[in-house]
Amino acid sequence: MTDEPQLQNDAIEEETAQAESGDESVAALIAERDEAIDRWMRTAADFDNFRKRATREREEYVTLANERLVQELLPILDDLERALVAAAEHEEAVLEDGVRLVHRALENLLARQGIKEIDAAGMFDPHVHEALLSQPSDAAEGSVIDVVQKGYTLGDRVVRPARVVVAAPQDGSDG
């Protein structure tokens, strides 16, 4: 009978040791979870900071690009003001020269920025043309017969399609 109380004590000590080691493993898991949550929160904060920085940098690039374009447009604005002064003084020849100068300067500026006029000659292309109407014509059906408004591209992108009149087949009736 002396062995029985010893066995019970051993069992109780073993259960206590298991409970303590269970508490330790739970504590270790809790610590691991807290560390993972902390890493996740830091990563989320880092990503948020990156997103804000990228947005701010993108806005700075746009501002810089706009500033450069505005600096190139200001001399053209000056030329236009001189043309308006000439118009107020009724100097038609000077006004016409001034308007031509402004037009040429603006055309050159846009060309330096990569703007190109769309060639509207030839057949209608829905990727670069906008058909305003079709008219009976001797020209081949589907060809552009008149340009109402020029179109422009910036690189490979169409900034504004050319607005055109497209040739339709001649009517069979002559009146």
N, C-alpha and C. Protein backbone atom coordinates (compact mmCIF):
# COMPACT_ATOMS: atom_id res chain seq x y z
N MET A 1 0.79 -1.19 0.00
CA MET A 1 0.00 0.00 0.00
C MET A 1 0.84 1.26 0.00
N THR A 2 2.03 1.13 0.33
CA THR A 2 2.88 2.32 0.33
C THR A 2 3.20 2.79 -1.08
N ASP A 3 3.11 1.88 -2.00
CA ASP A 3 3.38 2.27 -3.38
C ASP A 3 2.22 3.06 -3.99
N GLU A 4 1.02 2.81 -3.53
CA GLU A 4 -0.14 3.48 -4.11
C GLU A 4 -0.11 4.99 -3.90
N PRO A 5 0.15 5.53 -2.76
CA PRO A 5 0.21 6.98 -2.61
C PRO A 5 1.37 7.56 -3.43
N GLN A 6 2.45 6.81 -3.52
CA GLN A 6 3.58 7.30 -4.32
C GLN A 6 3.19 7.40 -5.79
N LEU A 7 2.45 6.40 -6.27
CA LEU A 7 1.99 6.41 -7.66
C LEU A 7 1.04 7.57 -7.90
N GLN A 8 0.18 7.83 -6.93
CA GLN A 8 -0.75 8.96 -7.07
C GLN A 8 0.02 10.28 -7.09
N ASN A 9 1.01 10.40 -6.26
CA ASN A 9 1.82 11.63 -6.23
C ASN A 9 2.57 11.80 -7.56
N ASP A 10 3.11 10.69 -8.05
CA ASP A 10 3.82 10.73 -9.33
C ASP A 10 2.87 11.16 -10.46
N ALA A 11 1.64 10.63 -10.43
CA ALA A 11 0.66 10.97 -11.45
C ALA A 11 0.28 12.45 -11.35
N ILE A 12 0.12 12.93 -10.14
CA ILE A 12 -0.23 14.34 -9.93
C ILE A 12 0.91 15.24 -10.39
N GLU A 13 2.14 14.86 -10.07
CA GLU A 13 3.30 15.65 -10.49
C GLU A 13 3.42 15.65 -12.03
N GLU A 14 3.14 14.49 -12.63
CA GLU A 14 3.20 14.38 -14.08
C GLU A 14 2.14 15.25 -14.73
N GLU A 15 0.92 15.23 -14.17
CA GLU A 15 -0.16 16.07 -14.70
C GLU A 15 0.18 17.55 -14.53
N THR A 16 0.76 17.90 -13.41
CA THR A 16 1.16 19.28 -13.16
C THR A 16 2.24 19.71 -14.15
N ALA A 17 3.19 18.82 -14.41
CA ALA A 17 4.27 19.12 -15.36
C ALA A 17 3.69 19.29 -16.76
N GLN A 18 2.74 18.44 -17.12
CA GLN A 18 2.10 18.55 -18.44
C GLN A 18 1.31 19.86 -18.54
N ALA A 19 0.61 20.21 -17.47
CA ALA A 19 -0.16 21.44 -17.47
C ALA A 19 0.77 22.64 -17.59
N GLU A 20 1.89 22.59 -16.86
CA GLU A 20 2.84 23.69 -16.93
C GLU A 20 3.46 23.77 -18.32
N SER A 21 3.81 22.60 -18.90
CA SER A 21 4.39 22.62 -20.25
C SER A 21 3.32 23.03 -21.26
N GLY A 22 2.06 22.68 -21.04
CA GLY A 22 0.95 23.13 -21.88
C GLY A 22 0.80 24.63 -21.80
N ASP A 23 0.92 25.17 -20.59
CA ASP A 23 0.85 26.61 -20.41
C ASP A 23 2.01 27.30 -21.13
N GLU A 24 3.17 26.66 -21.06
CA GLU A 24 4.34 27.22 -21.74
C GLU A 24 4.14 27.20 -23.25
N SER A 25 3.58 26.10 -23.77
CA SER A 25 3.38 26.04 -25.23
C SER A 25 2.29 27.02 -25.67
N VAL A 26 1.25 27.19 -24.84
CA VAL A 26 0.22 28.19 -25.16
C VAL A 26 0.83 29.58 -25.12
N ALA A 27 1.65 29.84 -24.12
CA ALA A 27 2.31 31.14 -24.01
C ALA A 27 3.24 31.36 -25.21
N ALA A 28 3.93 30.30 -25.62
CA ALA A 28 4.83 30.41 -26.77
C ALA A 28 4.02 30.69 -28.04
N LEU A 29 2.88 30.03 -28.21
CA LEU A 29 2.03 30.25 -29.38
C LEU A 29 1.45 31.67 -29.38
N ILE A 30 1.07 32.15 -28.20
CA ILE A 30 0.55 33.51 -28.07
C ILE A 30 1.63 34.52 -28.45
N ALA A 31 2.85 34.28 -27.96
CA ALA A 31 3.96 35.18 -28.28
C ALA A 31 4.25 35.16 -29.78
N GLU A 32 4.21 33.98 -30.38
CA GLU A 32 4.45 33.84 -31.82
C GLU A 32 3.36 34.57 -32.61
N ARG A 33 2.10 34.42 -32.17
CA ARG A 33 0.98 35.11 -32.82
C ARG A 33 1.15 36.62 -32.73
N ASP A 34 1.49 37.11 -31.54
CA ASP A 34 1.67 38.55 -31.35
C ASP A 34 2.79 39.08 -32.23
N GLU A 35 3.87 38.30 -32.37
CA GLU A 35 4.98 38.71 -33.22
C GLU A 35 4.56 38.75 -34.69
N ALA A 36 3.77 37.76 -35.12
CA ALA A 36 3.29 37.73 -36.51
C ALA A 36 2.35 38.91 -36.78
N ILE A 37 1.48 39.21 -35.83
CA ILE A 37 0.58 40.36 -35.99
C ILE A 37 1.38 41.65 -36.07
N ASP A 38 2.41 41.78 -35.24
CA ASP A 38 3.25 42.96 -35.25
C ASP A 38 3.96 43.12 -36.60
N ARG A 39 4.51 42.00 -37.12
CA ARG A 39 5.17 42.03 -38.44
C ARG A 39 4.16 42.41 -39.53
N TRP A 40 2.97 41.86 -39.46
CA TRP A 40 1.93 42.17 -40.45
C TRP A 40 1.57 43.65 -40.40
N MET A 41 1.40 44.19 -39.19
CA MET A 41 1.03 45.60 -39.05
C MET A 41 2.15 46.51 -39.57
N ARG A 42 3.40 46.14 -39.31
CA ARG A 42 4.53 46.93 -39.81
C ARG A 42 4.57 46.89 -41.34
N THR A 43 4.32 45.70 -41.90
CA THR A 43 4.31 45.55 -43.36
C THR A 43 3.18 46.37 -43.96
N ALA A 44 2.02 46.34 -43.33
CA ALA A 44 0.88 47.13 -43.83
C ALA A 44 1.21 48.62 -43.76
N ALA A 45 1.83 49.06 -42.69
CA ALA A 45 2.20 50.47 -42.55
C ALA A 45 3.27 50.84 -43.58
N ASP A 46 4.25 49.95 -43.81
CA ASP A 46 5.27 50.21 -44.82
C ASP A 46 4.64 50.33 -46.20
N PHE A 47 3.70 49.45 -46.51
CA PHE A 47 3.04 49.50 -47.82
C PHE A 47 2.23 50.78 -47.96
N ASP A 48 1.54 51.18 -46.91
CA ASP A 48 0.76 52.42 -46.95
C ASP A 48 1.68 53.62 -47.19
N ASN A 49 2.83 53.63 -46.50
CA ASN A 49 3.80 54.72 -46.70
C ASN A 49 4.33 54.71 -48.14
N PHE A 50 4.60 53.52 -48.68
CA PHE A 50 5.08 53.40 -50.06
C PHE A 50 4.03 53.94 -51.03
N ARG A 51 2.77 53.57 -50.81
CA ARG A 51 1.69 54.03 -51.69
C ARG A 51 1.58 55.55 -51.66
N LYS A 52 1.66 56.14 -50.47
CA LYS A 52 1.56 57.59 -50.34
C LYS A 52 2.75 58.27 -51.02
N ARG A 53 3.96 57.70 -50.84
CA ARG A 53 5.15 58.27 -51.45
C ARG A 53 5.06 58.18 -52.97
N ALA A 54 4.59 57.05 -53.49
CA ALA A 54 4.46 56.88 -54.95
C ALA A 54 3.45 57.87 -55.52
N THR A 55 2.35 58.09 -54.83
CA THR A 55 1.34 59.05 -55.27
C THR A 55 1.92 60.46 -55.28
N ARG A 56 2.65 60.81 -54.23
CA ARG A 56 3.26 62.13 -54.14
C ARG A 56 4.28 62.33 -55.26
N GLU A 57 5.11 61.32 -55.53
CA GLU A 57 6.11 61.41 -56.59
C GLU A 57 5.45 61.55 -57.96
N ARG A 58 4.37 60.80 -58.18
CA ARG A 58 3.65 60.88 -59.45
C ARG A 58 3.08 62.29 -59.64
N GLU A 59 2.54 62.87 -58.59
CA GLU A 59 2.01 64.24 -58.68
C GLU A 59 3.13 65.23 -58.97
N GLU A 60 4.31 65.01 -58.38
CA GLU A 60 5.45 65.88 -58.65
C GLU A 60 5.89 65.79 -60.11
N TYR A 61 5.89 64.58 -60.67
CA TYR A 61 6.25 64.40 -62.08
C TYR A 61 5.28 65.13 -62.98
N VAL A 62 3.99 65.03 -62.69
CA VAL A 62 2.98 65.71 -63.50
C VAL A 62 3.17 67.21 -63.40
N THR A 63 3.40 67.71 -62.20
CA THR A 63 3.62 69.14 -62.01
C THR A 63 4.85 69.60 -62.78
N LEU A 64 5.92 68.82 -62.70
CA LEU A 64 7.15 69.17 -63.42
C LEU A 64 6.92 69.19 -64.92
N ALA A 65 6.22 68.20 -65.43
CA ALA A 65 5.93 68.15 -66.87
C ALA A 65 5.06 69.33 -67.27
N ASN A 66 4.05 69.64 -66.47
CA ASN A 66 3.17 70.78 -66.78
C ASN A 66 3.96 72.09 -66.72
N GLU A 67 4.86 72.20 -65.77
CA GLU A 67 5.65 73.42 -65.64
C GLU A 67 6.50 73.64 -66.89
N ARG A 68 7.12 72.57 -67.39
CA ARG A 68 7.95 72.68 -68.58
C ARG A 68 7.10 73.09 -69.79
N LEU A 69 5.91 72.50 -69.91
CA LEU A 69 5.02 72.84 -71.02
C LEU A 69 4.56 74.30 -70.92
N VAL A 70 4.23 74.74 -69.72
CA VAL A 70 3.78 76.12 -69.52
C VAL A 70 4.92 77.09 -69.85
N GLN A 71 6.16 76.76 -69.46
CA GLN A 71 7.29 77.63 -69.78
C GLN A 71 7.44 77.77 -71.30
N GLU A 72 7.16 76.71 -72.04
CA GLU A 72 7.27 76.78 -73.50
C GLU A 72 6.06 77.50 -74.11
N LEU A 73 4.92 77.49 -73.42
CA LEU A 73 3.73 78.16 -73.94
C LEU A 73 3.75 79.67 -73.69
N LEU A 74 4.46 80.13 -72.68
CA LEU A 74 4.45 81.55 -72.34
C LEU A 74 4.94 82.47 -73.47
N PRO A 75 6.02 82.13 -74.18
CA PRO A 75 6.40 83.00 -75.31
C PRO A 75 5.31 83.06 -76.40
N ILE A 76 4.60 81.97 -76.58
CA ILE A 76 3.51 81.96 -77.56
C ILE A 76 2.40 82.89 -77.10
N LEU A 77 2.11 82.89 -75.80
CA LEU A 77 1.12 83.80 -75.24
C LEU A 77 1.55 85.25 -75.45
N ASP A 78 2.87 85.52 -75.26
CA ASP A 78 3.38 86.87 -75.50
C ASP A 78 3.17 87.30 -76.96
N ASP A 79 3.46 86.38 -77.90
CA ASP A 79 3.26 86.68 -79.32
C ASP A 79 1.79 86.97 -79.61
N LEU A 80 0.91 86.20 -79.00
CA LEU A 80 -0.52 86.41 -79.21
C LEU A 80 -0.96 87.77 -78.67
N GLU A 81 -0.43 88.17 -77.54
CA GLU A 81 -0.76 89.48 -76.98
C GLU A 81 -0.28 90.60 -77.91
N ARG A 82 0.92 90.43 -78.49
CA ARG A 82 1.41 91.44 -79.44
C ARG A 82 0.49 91.51 -80.66
N ALA A 83 0.00 90.36 -81.12
CA ALA A 83 -0.93 90.35 -82.26
C ALA A 83 -2.23 91.07 -81.91
N LEU A 84 -2.70 90.89 -80.68
CA LEU A 84 -3.92 91.57 -80.26
C LEU A 84 -3.72 93.08 -80.16
N VAL A 85 -2.54 93.50 -79.73
CA VAL A 85 -2.24 94.94 -79.69
C VAL A 85 -2.25 95.49 -81.11
N ALA A 86 -1.68 94.75 -82.05
CA ALA A 86 -1.67 95.19 -83.45
C ALA A 86 -3.10 95.26 -83.99
N ALA A 87 -3.95 94.33 -83.59
CA ALA A 87 -5.35 94.35 -84.04
C ALA A 87 -6.06 95.58 -83.50
N ALA A 88 -5.76 95.96 -82.27
CA ALA A 88 -6.39 97.13 -81.68
C ALA A 88 -5.96 98.40 -82.41
N GLU A 89 -4.77 98.39 -82.98
CA GLU A 89 -4.27 99.56 -83.71
C GLU A 89 -4.59 99.47 -85.20
N HIS A 90 -5.39 98.49 -85.59
CA HIS A 90 -5.85 98.30 -86.97
C HIS A 90 -4.72 98.10 -87.96
N GLU A 91 -3.72 97.40 -87.56
CA GLU A 91 -2.62 97.07 -88.47
C GLU A 91 -2.84 95.65 -88.95
N GLU A 92 -3.68 95.51 -89.97
CA GLU A 92 -4.07 94.19 -90.44
C GLU A 92 -2.89 93.32 -90.86
N ALA A 93 -1.94 93.90 -91.58
CA ALA A 93 -0.78 93.13 -92.05
C ALA A 93 0.03 92.62 -90.86
N VAL A 94 0.22 93.47 -89.87
CA VAL A 94 0.98 93.07 -88.67
C VAL A 94 0.19 92.03 -87.89
N LEU A 95 -1.14 92.18 -87.84
CA LEU A 95 -1.99 91.22 -87.14
C LEU A 95 -1.87 89.84 -87.80
N GLU A 96 -1.95 89.82 -89.13
CA GLU A 96 -1.84 88.55 -89.83
C GLU A 96 -0.48 87.90 -89.59
N ASP A 97 0.59 88.69 -89.66
CA ASP A 97 1.93 88.16 -89.39
C ASP A 97 2.03 87.63 -87.96
N GLY A 98 1.42 88.36 -87.03
CA GLY A 98 1.46 87.94 -85.62
C GLY A 98 0.72 86.63 -85.40
N VAL A 99 -0.43 86.49 -86.03
CA VAL A 99 -1.21 85.25 -85.90
C VAL A 99 -0.45 84.09 -86.53
N ARG A 100 0.17 84.33 -87.69
CA ARG A 100 0.97 83.28 -88.33
C ARG A 100 2.15 82.87 -87.43
N LEU A 101 2.77 83.85 -86.80
CA LEU A 101 3.89 83.57 -85.91
C LEU A 101 3.43 82.72 -84.72
N VAL A 102 2.30 83.07 -84.13
CA VAL A 102 1.76 82.31 -83.00
C VAL A 102 1.42 80.89 -83.44
N HIS A 103 0.79 80.75 -84.60
CA HIS A 103 0.42 79.43 -85.11
C HIS A 103 1.66 78.57 -85.33
N ARG A 104 2.67 79.13 -85.96
CA ARG A 104 3.90 78.38 -86.22
C ARG A 104 4.59 77.99 -84.91
N ALA A 105 4.64 78.91 -83.96
CA ALA A 105 5.29 78.62 -82.68
C ALA A 105 4.55 77.52 -81.92
N LEU A 106 3.24 77.57 -81.93
CA LEU A 106 2.45 76.54 -81.24
C LEU A 106 2.60 75.19 -81.94
N GLU A 107 2.59 75.20 -83.26
CA GLU A 107 2.79 73.98 -84.04
C GLU A 107 4.15 73.34 -83.71
N ASN A 108 5.20 74.17 -83.66
CA ASN A 108 6.54 73.67 -83.34
C ASN A 108 6.62 73.13 -81.91
N LEU A 109 5.99 73.81 -80.98
CA LEU A 109 5.98 73.35 -79.60
C LEU A 109 5.31 71.98 -79.49
N LEU A 110 4.17 71.83 -80.12
CA LEU A 110 3.45 70.56 -80.07
C LEU A 110 4.27 69.45 -80.74
N ALA A 111 4.95 69.78 -81.83
CA ALA A 111 5.80 68.78 -82.50
C ALA A 111 6.93 68.35 -81.57
N ARG A 112 7.53 69.28 -80.84
CA ARG A 112 8.60 68.93 -79.89
C ARG A 112 8.07 68.04 -78.76
N GLN A 113 6.79 68.18 -78.44
CA GLN A 113 6.18 67.37 -77.38
C GLN A 113 5.73 66.01 -77.90
N GLY A 114 5.89 65.77 -79.21
CA GLY A 114 5.54 64.46 -79.78
C GLY A 114 4.16 64.41 -80.39
N ILE A 115 3.51 65.56 -80.55
CA ILE A 115 2.18 65.61 -81.17
C ILE A 115 2.36 65.60 -82.68
N LYS A 116 1.63 64.70 -83.35
CA LYS A 116 1.69 64.62 -84.81
C LYS A 116 0.28 64.70 -85.37
N GLU A 117 0.17 65.37 -86.51
CA GLU A 117 -1.12 65.49 -87.19
C GLU A 117 -1.43 64.15 -87.86
N ILE A 118 -2.68 63.73 -87.77
CA ILE A 118 -3.12 62.49 -88.42
C ILE A 118 -3.33 62.77 -89.91
N ASP A 119 -2.72 61.94 -90.75
CA ASP A 119 -2.91 62.08 -92.19
C ASP A 119 -4.30 61.54 -92.53
N ALA A 120 -5.16 62.43 -92.97
CA ALA A 120 -6.55 62.04 -93.21
C ALA A 120 -6.78 61.60 -94.65
N ALA A 121 -5.76 61.68 -95.49
CA ALA A 121 -5.93 61.28 -96.90
C ALA A 121 -6.05 59.77 -96.98
N GLY A 122 -6.77 59.32 -97.98
CA GLY A 122 -6.91 57.88 -98.19
C GLY A 122 -8.23 57.35 -97.69
N MET A 123 -8.21 56.09 -97.29
CA MET A 123 -9.42 55.41 -96.85
C MET A 123 -9.74 55.74 -95.39
N PHE A 124 -11.01 55.70 -95.06
CA PHE A 124 -11.48 55.92 -93.69
C PHE A 124 -10.93 54.84 -92.77
N ASP A 125 -10.35 55.23 -91.66
CA ASP A 125 -9.82 54.31 -90.66
C ASP A 125 -10.48 54.66 -89.32
N PRO A 126 -11.35 53.79 -88.79
CA PRO A 126 -12.06 54.12 -87.56
C PRO A 126 -11.15 54.29 -86.34
N HIS A 127 -9.90 53.85 -86.45
CA HIS A 127 -8.97 54.00 -85.33
C HIS A 127 -8.44 55.43 -85.21
N VAL A 128 -8.42 56.16 -86.32
CA VAL A 128 -7.88 57.51 -86.30
C VAL A 128 -8.84 58.57 -86.86
N HIS A 129 -9.95 58.13 -87.44
CA HIS A 129 -10.92 59.06 -88.02
C HIS A 129 -12.27 58.94 -87.31
N GLU A 130 -12.99 60.04 -87.31
CA GLU A 130 -14.38 60.04 -86.84
C GLU A 130 -15.22 60.56 -88.00
N ALA A 131 -16.10 59.71 -88.51
CA ALA A 131 -16.92 60.10 -89.65
C ALA A 131 -18.08 60.95 -89.16
N LEU A 132 -18.14 62.18 -89.66
CA LEU A 132 -19.25 63.06 -89.29
C LEU A 132 -20.44 62.81 -90.20
N LEU A 133 -20.15 62.54 -91.48
CA LEU A 133 -21.22 62.21 -92.42
C LEU A 133 -20.60 61.57 -93.65
N SER A 134 -21.46 60.97 -94.45
CA SER A 134 -21.00 60.42 -95.73
C SER A 134 -21.75 61.14 -96.83
N GLN A 135 -21.04 61.38 -97.93
CA GLN A 135 -21.60 62.15 -99.04
C GLN A 135 -21.39 61.38 -100.33
N PRO A 136 -22.37 61.38 -101.21
CA PRO A 136 -22.13 60.77 -102.53
C PRO A 136 -20.98 61.49 -103.23
N SER A 137 -20.10 60.71 -103.84
CA SER A 137 -18.92 61.30 -104.44
C SER A 137 -18.39 60.40 -105.55
N ASP A 138 -17.60 61.00 -106.43
CA ASP A 138 -16.93 60.23 -107.47
C ASP A 138 -15.76 59.45 -106.90
N ALA A 139 -15.30 59.81 -105.71
CA ALA A 139 -14.17 59.14 -105.08
C ALA A 139 -14.58 57.73 -104.67
N ALA A 140 -13.60 56.89 -104.41
CA ALA A 140 -13.88 55.51 -104.01
C ALA A 140 -14.69 55.49 -102.72
N GLU A 141 -15.63 54.57 -102.66
CA GLU A 141 -16.47 54.46 -101.47
C GLU A 141 -15.60 54.19 -100.25
N GLY A 142 -15.85 54.94 -99.19
CA GLY A 142 -15.10 54.77 -97.94
C GLY A 142 -13.86 55.62 -97.85
N SER A 143 -13.56 56.39 -98.89
CA SER A 143 -12.38 57.26 -98.82
C SER A 143 -12.76 58.59 -98.18
N VAL A 144 -11.78 59.24 -97.59
CA VAL A 144 -11.99 60.54 -96.95
C VAL A 144 -11.99 61.60 -98.04
N ILE A 145 -13.07 62.39 -98.10
CA ILE A 145 -13.15 63.43 -99.13
C ILE A 145 -13.00 64.84 -98.56
N ASP A 146 -13.17 64.98 -97.23
CA ASP A 146 -13.01 66.30 -96.62
C ASP A 146 -12.65 66.12 -95.15
N VAL A 147 -11.81 67.01 -94.65
CA VAL A 147 -11.43 67.02 -93.24
C VAL A 147 -12.10 68.22 -92.60
N VAL A 148 -13.00 67.96 -91.65
CA VAL A 148 -13.69 69.03 -90.95
C VAL A 148 -12.83 69.56 -89.80
N GLN A 149 -12.13 68.64 -89.11
CA GLN A 149 -11.26 69.02 -88.00
C GLN A 149 -10.07 68.07 -87.98
N LYS A 150 -8.87 68.62 -87.94
CA LYS A 150 -7.67 67.80 -87.93
C LYS A 150 -7.62 66.93 -86.67
N GLY A 151 -6.99 65.78 -86.80
CA GLY A 151 -6.78 64.91 -85.66
C GLY A 151 -5.30 64.84 -85.32
N TYR A 152 -5.00 64.42 -84.08
CA TYR A 152 -3.62 64.40 -83.62
C TYR A 152 -3.34 63.14 -82.80
N THR A 153 -2.07 62.70 -82.86
CA THR A 153 -1.62 61.58 -82.03
C THR A 153 -0.49 62.07 -81.14
N LEU A 154 -0.34 61.42 -80.02
CA LEU A 154 0.79 61.63 -79.11
C LEU A 154 1.44 60.27 -78.97
N GLY A 155 2.55 60.08 -79.64
CA GLY A 155 3.15 58.76 -79.70
C GLY A 155 2.23 57.85 -80.49
N ASP A 156 1.84 56.73 -79.91
CA ASP A 156 0.94 55.79 -80.58
C ASP A 156 -0.52 56.02 -80.22
N ARG A 157 -0.78 56.96 -79.32
CA ARG A 157 -2.16 57.18 -78.86
C ARG A 157 -2.83 58.31 -79.64
N VAL A 158 -4.09 58.11 -79.96
CA VAL A 158 -4.87 59.15 -80.63
C VAL A 158 -5.35 60.11 -79.56
N VAL A 159 -4.91 61.38 -79.67
CA VAL A 159 -5.35 62.41 -78.73
C VAL A 159 -6.72 62.91 -79.14
N ARG A 160 -6.86 63.13 -80.45
CA ARG A 160 -8.14 63.55 -81.01
C ARG A 160 -8.24 62.98 -82.41
N PRO A 161 -9.32 62.22 -82.70
CA PRO A 161 -9.44 61.67 -84.05
C PRO A 161 -9.76 62.79 -85.05
N ALA A 162 -9.36 62.57 -86.29
CA ALA A 162 -9.67 63.52 -87.35
C ALA A 162 -11.15 63.38 -87.69
N ARG A 163 -11.86 64.48 -87.71
CA ARG A 163 -13.29 64.46 -88.06
C ARG A 163 -13.39 64.66 -89.56
N VAL A 164 -13.99 63.70 -90.24
CA VAL A 164 -13.95 63.68 -91.69
C VAL A 164 -15.32 63.41 -92.31
N VAL A 165 -15.38 63.72 -93.62
CA VAL A 165 -16.53 63.38 -94.45
C VAL A 165 -16.06 62.23 -95.33
N VAL A 166 -16.88 61.18 -95.37
CA VAL A 166 -16.50 59.96 -96.09
C VAL A 166 -17.32 59.84 -97.36
N ALA A 167 -16.68 59.34 -98.42
CA ALA A 167 -17.35 59.18 -99.70
C ALA A 167 -18.34 58.02 -99.64
N ALA A 168 -19.53 58.28 -100.12
CA ALA A 168 -20.57 57.25 -100.23
C ALA A 168 -20.75 56.96 -101.72
N PRO A 169 -21.37 55.83 -102.06
CA PRO A 169 -21.58 55.56 -103.49
C PRO A 169 -22.52 56.59 -104.10
N GLN A 170 -22.32 56.86 -105.38
CA GLN A 170 -23.18 57.80 -106.10
C GLN A 170 -24.60 57.24 -106.16
N ASP A 171 -25.57 58.13 -106.05
CA ASP A 171 -26.97 57.69 -106.21
C ASP A 171 -27.20 57.34 -107.67
N GLY A 172 -28.00 56.33 -107.91
CA GLY A 172 -28.32 55.90 -109.28
C GLY A 172 -29.21 56.90 -110.00
N SER A 173 -29.96 57.70 -109.24
CA SER A 173 -30.88 58.64 -109.89
C SER A 173 -30.21 59.99 -110.06
N ASP A 174 -30.39 60.61 -111.18
CA ASP A 174 -29.78 61.92 -111.46
C ASP A 174 -30.81 63.03 -111.36
N GLY A 175 -31.91 62.82 -110.73
CA GLY A 175 -32.82 63.90 -110.49
C GLY A 175 -34.09 63.67 -111.10
